[in-house]
Amino acid sequence: MQLDASELKSARDRLARVQGQIGGIIKMLDEGRDCTELLNQLSAASTALSRAGLTIISTGMRACANNPAGDAERVALEKAFMSLA
């Protein structure tokens, strides 16, 4: 299933921020930063990554709703959604 890129802009932007956060976390590890600081950043990156995934899945679910022949795709998206829960 192809998704409209304009509908996925927020997910892409969020993923770009996660990419920056991960780079920052790696730098923090290299610098020997405090464990609590690292955990806070890891939690933030994990939450942002989950939200990006949910955005992508919800976009796909809306596309499936507009395509009655997309039952198999809908089931696959529902499984992906549940894996994020």
PDB file of N, CA and C in Angstrom:
ATOM      1  N   MET A   1       0.841  -1.164   0.000  1.00  0.00           N
ATOM      2  CA  MET A   1       0.000   0.000   0.000  1.00  0.00           C
ATOM      3  C   MET A   1       0.892   1.236   0.000  1.00  0.00           C
ATOM      4  N   GLN A   2       0.619   2.119  -0.917  1.00  0.00           N
ATOM      5  CA  GLN A   2       1.333   3.388  -0.976  1.00  0.00           C
ATOM      6  C   GLN A   2       0.557   4.427  -0.181  1.00  0.00           C
ATOM      7  N   LEU A   3       1.249   5.155   0.672  1.00  0.00           N
ATOM      8  CA  LEU A   3       0.616   6.203   1.460  1.00  0.00           C
ATOM      9  C   LEU A   3       1.030   7.557   0.921  1.00  0.00           C
ATOM     10  N   ASP A   4       0.131   8.509   1.028  1.00  0.00           N
ATOM     11  CA  ASP A   4       0.367   9.865   0.544  1.00  0.00           C
ATOM     12  C   ASP A   4       1.454  10.522   1.390  1.00  0.00           C
ATOM     13  N   ALA A   5       2.534  10.940   0.745  1.00  0.00           N
ATOM     14  CA  ALA A   5       3.667  11.538   1.456  1.00  0.00           C
ATOM     15  C   ALA A   5       3.269  12.784   2.231  1.00  0.00           C
ATOM     16  N   SER A   6       2.341  13.564   1.697  1.00  0.00           N
ATOM     17  CA  SER A   6       1.940  14.782   2.402  1.00  0.00           C
ATOM     18  C   SER A   6       1.237  14.449   3.718  1.00  0.00           C
ATOM     19  N   GLU A   7       0.540  13.323   3.766  1.00  0.00           N
ATOM     20  CA  GLU A   7      -0.124  12.908   4.999  1.00  0.00           C
ATOM     21  C   GLU A   7       0.876  12.376   6.028  1.00  0.00           C
ATOM     22  N   LEU A   8       2.039  11.986   5.580  1.00  0.00           N
ATOM     23  CA  LEU A   8       3.040  11.413   6.472  1.00  0.00           C
ATOM     24  C   LEU A   8       4.099  12.416   6.913  1.00  0.00           C
ATOM     25  N   LYS A   9       3.932  13.686   6.549  1.00  0.00           N
ATOM     26  CA  LYS A   9       4.937  14.693   6.877  1.00  0.00           C
ATOM     27  C   LYS A   9       5.193  14.779   8.376  1.00  0.00           C
ATOM     28  N   SER A  10       4.152  14.755   9.186  1.00  0.00           N
ATOM     29  CA  SER A  10       4.358  14.862  10.636  1.00  0.00           C
ATOM     30  C   SER A  10       5.141  13.660  11.169  1.00  0.00           C
ATOM     31  N   ALA A  11       4.872  12.474  10.636  1.00  0.00           N
ATOM     32  CA  ALA A  11       5.622  11.288  11.061  1.00  0.00           C
ATOM     33  C   ALA A  11       7.077  11.401  10.629  1.00  0.00           C
ATOM     34  N   ARG A  12       7.298  11.884   9.423  1.00  0.00           N
ATOM     35  CA  ARG A  12       8.670  12.042   8.946  1.00  0.00           C
ATOM     36  C   ARG A  12       9.429  13.055   9.790  1.00  0.00           C
ATOM     37  N   ASP A  13       8.776  14.174  10.103  1.00  0.00           N
ATOM     38  CA  ASP A  13       9.403  15.197  10.942  1.00  0.00           C
ATOM     39  C   ASP A  13       9.729  14.632  12.323  1.00  0.00           C
ATOM     40  N   ARG A  14       8.811  13.859  12.870  1.00  0.00           N
ATOM     41  CA  ARG A  14       9.037  13.257  14.188  1.00  0.00           C
ATOM     42  C   ARG A  14      10.213  12.277  14.128  1.00  0.00           C
ATOM     43  N   LEU A  15      10.287  11.488  13.060  1.00  0.00           N
ATOM     44  CA  LEU A  15      11.396  10.540  12.913  1.00  0.00           C
ATOM     45  C   LEU A  15      12.733  11.258  12.772  1.00  0.00           C
ATOM     46  N   ALA A  16      12.733  12.399  12.097  1.00  0.00           N
ATOM     47  CA  ALA A  16      13.968  13.184  11.982  1.00  0.00           C
ATOM     48  C   ALA A  16      14.413  13.678  13.360  1.00  0.00           C
ATOM     49  N   ARG A  17      13.450  14.087  14.190  1.00  0.00           N
ATOM     50  CA  ARG A  17      13.792  14.516  15.551  1.00  0.00           C
ATOM     51  C   ARG A  17      14.325  13.335  16.368  1.00  0.00           C
ATOM     52  N   VAL A  18      13.710  12.168  16.194  1.00  0.00           N
ATOM     53  CA  VAL A  18      14.183  10.972  16.902  1.00  0.00           C
ATOM     54  C   VAL A  18      15.616  10.663  16.485  1.00  0.00           C
ATOM     55  N   GLN A  19      15.886  10.804  15.208  1.00  0.00           N
ATOM     56  CA  GLN A  19      17.243  10.553  14.715  1.00  0.00           C
ATOM     57  C   GLN A  19      18.236  11.471  15.424  1.00  0.00           C
ATOM     58  N   GLY A  20      17.869  12.737  15.584  1.00  0.00           N
ATOM     59  CA  GLY A  20      18.723  13.678  16.306  1.00  0.00           C
ATOM     60  C   GLY A  20      18.860  13.303  17.774  1.00  0.00           C
ATOM     61  N   GLN A  21      17.751  12.878  18.378  1.00  0.00           N
ATOM     62  CA  GLN A  21      17.797  12.460  19.780  1.00  0.00           C
ATOM     63  C   GLN A  21      18.727  11.263  19.967  1.00  0.00           C
ATOM     64  N   ILE A  22      18.657  10.310  19.058  1.00  0.00           N
ATOM     65  CA  ILE A  22      19.512   9.120  19.158  1.00  0.00           C
ATOM     66  C   ILE A  22      20.981   9.518  19.047  1.00  0.00           C
ATOM     67  N   GLY A  23      21.280  10.432  18.131  1.00  0.00           N
ATOM     68  CA  GLY A  23      22.649  10.929  18.021  1.00  0.00           C
ATOM     69  C   GLY A  23      23.109  11.579  19.318  1.00  0.00           C
ATOM     70  N   GLY A  24      22.210  12.338  19.930  1.00  0.00           N
ATOM     71  CA  GLY A  24      22.532  12.971  21.205  1.00  0.00           C
ATOM     72  C   GLY A  24      22.750  11.953  22.313  1.00  0.00           C
ATOM     73  N   ILE A  25      21.954  10.900  22.312  1.00  0.00           N
ATOM     74  CA  ILE A  25      22.099   9.850  23.323  1.00  0.00           C
ATOM     75  C   ILE A  25      23.441   9.142  23.161  1.00  0.00           C
ATOM     76  N   ILE A  26      23.820   8.870  21.930  1.00  0.00           N
ATOM     77  CA  ILE A  26      25.119   8.226  21.679  1.00  0.00           C
ATOM     78  C   ILE A  26      26.245   9.122  22.181  1.00  0.00           C
ATOM     79  N   LYS A  27      26.134  10.414  21.922  1.00  0.00           N
ATOM     80  CA  LYS A  27      27.145  11.368  22.392  1.00  0.00           C
ATOM     81  C   LYS A  27      27.190  11.381  23.920  1.00  0.00           C
ATOM     82  N   MET A  28      26.010  11.343  24.543  1.00  0.00           N
ATOM     83  CA  MET A  28      25.952  11.313  26.006  1.00  0.00           C
ATOM     84  C   MET A  28      26.643  10.064  26.556  1.00  0.00           C
ATOM     85  N   LEU A  29      26.431   8.928  25.895  1.00  0.00           N
ATOM     86  CA  LEU A  29      27.107   7.693  26.313  1.00  0.00           C
ATOM     87  C   LEU A  29      28.618   7.836  26.210  1.00  0.00           C
ATOM     88  N   ASP A  30      29.064   8.382  25.080  1.00  0.00           N
ATOM     89  CA  ASP A  30      30.498   8.569  24.862  1.00  0.00           C
ATOM     90  C   ASP A  30      31.112   9.502  25.899  1.00  0.00           C
ATOM     91  N   GLU A  31      30.315  10.470  26.367  1.00  0.00           N
ATOM     92  CA  GLU A  31      30.796  11.439  27.355  1.00  0.00           C
ATOM     93  C   GLU A  31      30.673  10.923  28.786  1.00  0.00           C
ATOM     94  N   GLY A  32      30.061   9.754  28.954  1.00  0.00           N
ATOM     95  CA  GLY A  32      29.901   9.193  30.286  1.00  0.00           C
ATOM     96  C   GLY A  32      28.886   9.938  31.138  1.00  0.00           C
ATOM     97  N   ARG A  33      27.841  10.451  30.496  1.00  0.00           N
ATOM     98  CA  ARG A  33      26.829  11.245  31.206  1.00  0.00           C
ATOM     99  C   ARG A  33      26.041  10.390  32.192  1.00  0.00           C
ATOM    100  N   ASP A  34      25.366  11.070  33.086  1.00  0.00           N
ATOM    101  CA  ASP A  34      24.590  10.451  34.156  1.00  0.00           C
ATOM    102  C   ASP A  34      23.513   9.516  33.605  1.00  0.00           C
ATOM    103  N   CYS A  35      23.324   8.404  34.296  1.00  0.00           N
ATOM    104  CA  CYS A  35      22.349   7.384  33.892  1.00  0.00           C
ATOM    105  C   CYS A  35      20.934   7.958  33.816  1.00  0.00           C
ATOM    106  N   THR A  36      20.560   8.805  34.765  1.00  0.00           N
ATOM    107  CA  THR A  36      19.214   9.376  34.777  1.00  0.00           C
ATOM    108  C   THR A  36      18.976  10.244  33.551  1.00  0.00           C
ATOM    109  N   GLU A  37      19.972  11.029  33.175  1.00  0.00           N
ATOM    110  CA  GLU A  37      19.850  11.858  31.968  1.00  0.00           C
ATOM    111  C   GLU A  37      19.663  10.980  30.737  1.00  0.00           C
ATOM    112  N   LEU A  38      20.443   9.912  30.668  1.00  0.00           N
ATOM    113  CA  LEU A  38      20.337   8.989  29.532  1.00  0.00           C
ATOM    114  C   LEU A  38      18.954   8.355  29.472  1.00  0.00           C
ATOM    115  N   LEU A  39      18.446   7.919  30.610  1.00  0.00           N
ATOM    116  CA  LEU A  39      17.130   7.282  30.635  1.00  0.00           C
ATOM    117  C   LEU A  39      16.031   8.252  30.230  1.00  0.00           C
ATOM    118  N   ASN A  40      16.141   9.505  30.650  1.00  0.00           N
ATOM    119  CA  ASN A  40      15.153  10.509  30.244  1.00  0.00           C
ATOM    120  C   ASN A  40      15.149  10.687  28.732  1.00  0.00           C
ATOM    121  N   GLN A  41      16.334  10.757  28.145  1.00  0.00           N
ATOM    122  CA  GLN A  41      16.429  10.938  26.698  1.00  0.00           C
ATOM    123  C   GLN A  41      15.957   9.692  25.949  1.00  0.00           C
ATOM    124  N   LEU A  42      16.299   8.522  26.466  1.00  0.00           N
ATOM    125  CA  LEU A  42      15.831   7.278  25.843  1.00  0.00           C
ATOM    126  C   LEU A  42      14.313   7.182  25.889  1.00  0.00           C
ATOM    127  N   SER A  43      13.729   7.574  26.995  1.00  0.00           N
ATOM    128  CA  SER A  43      12.273   7.549  27.124  1.00  0.00           C
ATOM    129  C   SER A  43      11.624   8.496  26.126  1.00  0.00           C
ATOM    130  N   ALA A  44      12.174   9.689  26.000  1.00  0.00           N
ATOM    131  CA  ALA A  44      11.626  10.668  25.061  1.00  0.00           C
ATOM    132  C   ALA A  44      11.729  10.161  23.623  1.00  0.00           C
ATOM    133  N   ALA A  45      12.870   9.577  23.270  1.00  0.00           N
ATOM    134  CA  ALA A  45      13.057   9.061  21.913  1.00  0.00           C
ATOM    135  C   ALA A  45      12.114   7.892  21.646  1.00  0.00           C
ATOM    136  N   SER A  46      11.946   7.031  22.623  1.00  0.00           N
ATOM    137  CA  SER A  46      11.053   5.886  22.470  1.00  0.00           C
ATOM    138  C   SER A  46       9.609   6.334  22.269  1.00  0.00           C
ATOM    139  N   THR A  47       9.175   7.315  23.051  1.00  0.00           N
ATOM    140  CA  THR A  47       7.816   7.837  22.919  1.00  0.00           C
ATOM    141  C   THR A  47       7.608   8.463  21.549  1.00  0.00           C
ATOM    142  N   ALA A  48       8.574   9.258  21.110  1.00  0.00           N
ATOM    143  CA  ALA A  48       8.459   9.909  19.803  1.00  0.00           C
ATOM    144  C   ALA A  48       8.424   8.877  18.680  1.00  0.00           C
ATOM    145  N   LEU A  49       9.222   7.825  18.802  1.00  0.00           N
ATOM    146  CA  LEU A  49       9.237   6.772  17.788  1.00  0.00           C
ATOM    147  C   LEU A  49       7.892   6.042  17.748  1.00  0.00           C
ATOM    148  N   SER A  50       7.332   5.761  18.905  1.00  0.00           N
ATOM    149  CA  SER A  50       6.018   5.111  18.955  1.00  0.00           C
ATOM    150  C   SER A  50       4.945   5.985  18.327  1.00  0.00           C
ATOM    151  N   ARG A  51       4.991   7.271  18.609  1.00  0.00           N
ATOM    152  CA  ARG A  51       3.993   8.180  18.039  1.00  0.00           C
ATOM    153  C   ARG A  51       4.120   8.272  16.526  1.00  0.00           C
ATOM    154  N   ALA A  52       5.346   8.247  16.034  1.00  0.00           N
ATOM    155  CA  ALA A  52       5.533   8.252  14.580  1.00  0.00           C
ATOM    156  C   ALA A  52       4.935   6.986  13.978  1.00  0.00           C
ATOM    157  N   GLY A  53       5.169   5.859  14.621  1.00  0.00           N
ATOM    158  CA  GLY A  53       4.596   4.602  14.143  1.00  0.00           C
ATOM    159  C   GLY A  53       3.081   4.632  14.136  1.00  0.00           C
ATOM    160  N   LEU A  54       2.502   5.168  15.197  1.00  0.00           N
ATOM    161  CA  LEU A  54       1.042   5.265  15.266  1.00  0.00           C
ATOM    162  C   LEU A  54       0.494   6.191  14.192  1.00  0.00           C
ATOM    163  N   THR A  55       1.205   7.261  13.900  1.00  0.00           N
ATOM    164  CA  THR A  55       0.780   8.178  12.841  1.00  0.00           C
ATOM    165  C   THR A  55       0.769   7.465  11.495  1.00  0.00           C
ATOM    166  N   ILE A  56       1.814   6.705  11.224  1.00  0.00           N
ATOM    167  CA  ILE A  56       1.903   5.974   9.959  1.00  0.00           C
ATOM    168  C   ILE A  56       0.788   4.927   9.874  1.00  0.00           C
ATOM    169  N   ILE A  57       0.569   4.206  10.959  1.00  0.00           N
ATOM    170  CA  ILE A  57      -0.477   3.183  10.956  1.00  0.00           C
ATOM    171  C   ILE A  57      -1.856   3.805  10.790  1.00  0.00           C
ATOM    172  N   SER A  58      -2.125   4.913  11.486  1.00  0.00           N
ATOM    173  CA  SER A  58      -3.455   5.524  11.361  1.00  0.00           C
ATOM    174  C   SER A  58      -3.677   6.063   9.958  1.00  0.00           C
ATOM    175  N   THR A  59      -2.624   6.559   9.318  1.00  0.00           N
ATOM    176  CA  THR A  59      -2.737   7.010   7.932  1.00  0.00           C
ATOM    177  C   THR A  59      -3.083   5.826   7.030  1.00  0.00           C
ATOM    178  N   GLY A  60      -2.425   4.700   7.261  1.00  0.00           N
ATOM    179  CA  GLY A  60      -2.726   3.497   6.493  1.00  0.00           C
ATOM    180  C   GLY A  60      -4.134   2.987   6.733  1.00  0.00           C
ATOM    181  N   MET A  61      -4.592   3.062   7.978  1.00  0.00           N
ATOM    182  CA  MET A  61      -5.956   2.600   8.292  1.00  0.00           C
ATOM    183  C   MET A  61      -6.992   3.470   7.584  1.00  0.00           C
ATOM    184  N   ARG A  62      -6.752   4.775   7.533  1.00  0.00           N
ATOM    185  CA  ARG A  62      -7.678   5.657   6.814  1.00  0.00           C
ATOM    186  C   ARG A  62      -7.686   5.314   5.330  1.00  0.00           C
ATOM    187  N   ALA A  63      -6.512   5.020   4.773  1.00  0.00           N
ATOM    188  CA  ALA A  63      -6.441   4.650   3.358  1.00  0.00           C
ATOM    189  C   ALA A  63      -7.193   3.346   3.115  1.00  0.00           C
ATOM    190  N   CYS A  64      -7.074   2.400   4.038  1.00  0.00           N
ATOM    191  CA  CYS A  64      -7.791   1.126   3.904  1.00  0.00           C
ATOM    192  C   CYS A  64      -9.297   1.326   3.993  1.00  0.00           C
ATOM    193  N   ALA A  65      -9.723   2.239   4.844  1.00  0.00           N
ATOM    194  CA  ALA A  65     -11.158   2.493   4.997  1.00  0.00           C
ATOM    195  C   ALA A  65     -11.757   3.010   3.697  1.00  0.00           C
ATOM    196  N   ASN A  66     -10.948   3.698   2.911  1.00  0.00           N
ATOM    197  CA  ASN A  66     -11.413   4.224   1.627  1.00  0.00           C
ATOM    198  C   ASN A  66     -11.291   3.204   0.506  1.00  0.00           C
ATOM    199  N   ASN A  67     -10.713   2.031   0.810  1.00  0.00           N
ATOM    200  CA  ASN A  67     -10.509   0.993  -0.192  1.00  0.00           C
ATOM    201  C   ASN A  67     -11.099  -0.313   0.340  1.00  0.00           C
ATOM    202  N   PRO A  68     -12.335  -0.618  -0.011  1.00  0.00           N
ATOM    203  CA  PRO A  68     -12.982  -1.819   0.522  1.00  0.00           C
ATOM    204  C   PRO A  68     -12.234  -3.111   0.204  1.00  0.00           C
ATOM    205  N   ALA A  69     -11.422  -3.118  -0.832  1.00  0.00           N
ATOM    206  CA  ALA A  69     -10.684  -4.327  -1.197  1.00  0.00           C
ATOM    207  C   ALA A  69      -9.419  -4.492  -0.355  1.00  0.00           C
ATOM    208  N   GLY A  70      -9.169  -3.583   0.574  1.00  0.00           N
ATOM    209  CA  GLY A  70      -7.929  -3.602   1.349  1.00  0.00           C
ATOM    210  C   GLY A  70      -8.008  -4.350   2.659  1.00  0.00           C
ATOM    211  N   ASP A  71      -8.833  -5.399   2.752  1.00  0.00           N
ATOM    212  CA  ASP A  71      -8.997  -6.131   4.010  1.00  0.00           C
ATOM    213  C   ASP A  71      -7.690  -6.738   4.512  1.00  0.00           C
ATOM    214  N   ALA A  72      -6.904  -7.324   3.634  1.00  0.00           N
ATOM    215  CA  ALA A  72      -5.640  -7.940   4.052  1.00  0.00           C
ATOM    216  C   ALA A  72      -4.687  -6.879   4.586  1.00  0.00           C
ATOM    217  N   GLU A  73      -4.651  -5.727   3.923  1.00  0.00           N
ATOM    218  CA  GLU A  73      -3.792  -4.639   4.394  1.00  0.00           C
ATOM    219  C   GLU A  73      -4.272  -4.131   5.746  1.00  0.00           C
ATOM    220  N   ARG A  74      -5.574  -4.042   5.925  1.00  0.00           N
ATOM    221  CA  ARG A  74      -6.141  -3.576   7.191  1.00  0.00           C
ATOM    222  C   ARG A  74      -5.738  -4.512   8.328  1.00  0.00           C
ATOM    223  N   VAL A  75      -5.803  -5.812   8.094  1.00  0.00           N
ATOM    224  CA  VAL A  75      -5.418  -6.793   9.112  1.00  0.00           C
ATOM    225  C   VAL A  75      -3.940  -6.633   9.457  1.00  0.00           C
ATOM    226  N   ALA A  76      -3.101  -6.452   8.460  1.00  0.00           N
ATOM    227  CA  ALA A  76      -1.668  -6.269   8.703  1.00  0.00           C
ATOM    228  C   ALA A  76      -1.412  -5.001   9.515  1.00  0.00           C
ATOM    229  N   LEU A  77      -2.135  -3.926   9.208  1.00  0.00           N
ATOM    230  CA  LEU A  77      -1.971  -2.684   9.958  1.00  0.00           C
ATOM    231  C   LEU A  77      -2.456  -2.834  11.395  1.00  0.00           C
ATOM    232  N   GLU A  78      -3.533  -3.563  11.593  1.00  0.00           N
ATOM    233  CA  GLU A  78      -4.028  -3.799  12.951  1.00  0.00           C
ATOM    234  C   GLU A  78      -3.003  -4.576  13.772  1.00  0.00           C
ATOM    235  N   LYS A  79      -2.350  -5.554  13.162  1.00  0.00           N
ATOM    236  CA  LYS A  79      -1.302  -6.306  13.858  1.00  0.00           C
ATOM    237  C   LYS A  79      -0.132  -5.392  14.203  1.00  0.00           C
ATOM    238  N   ALA A  80       0.240  -4.525  13.269  1.00  0.00           N
ATOM    239  CA  ALA A  80       1.326  -3.578  13.532  1.00  0.00           C
ATOM    240  C   ALA A  80       0.952  -2.645  14.674  1.00  0.00           C
ATOM    241  N   PHE A  81      -0.289  -2.186  14.679  1.00  0.00           N
ATOM    242  CA  PHE A  81      -0.770  -1.308  15.742  1.00  0.00           C
ATOM    243  C   PHE A  81      -0.663  -2.005  17.097  1.00  0.00           C
ATOM    244  N   MET A  82      -1.103  -3.234  17.156  1.00  0.00           N
ATOM    245  CA  MET A  82      -1.068  -3.970  18.416  1.00  0.00           C
ATOM    246  C   MET A  82       0.364  -4.222  18.888  1.00  0.00           C
ATOM    247  N   SER A  83       1.297  -4.337  17.964  1.00  0.00           N
ATOM    248  CA  SER A  83       2.688  -4.555  18.365  1.00  0.00           C
ATOM    249  C   SER A  83       3.272  -3.318  19.035  1.00  0.00           C
ATOM    250  N   LEU A  84       2.691  -2.141  18.770  1.00  0.00           N
ATOM    251  CA  LEU A  84       3.162  -0.914  19.404  1.00  0.00           C
ATOM    252  C   LEU A  84       2.540  -0.704  20.778  1.00  0.00           C
ATOM    253  N   ALA A  85       1.486  -1.428  21.064  1.00  0.00           N
ATOM    254  CA  ALA A  85       0.777  -1.226  22.344  1.00  0.00           C
ATOM    255  C   ALA A  85       1.537  -1.836  23.498  1.00  0.00           C
TER     256      ALA A  85
END
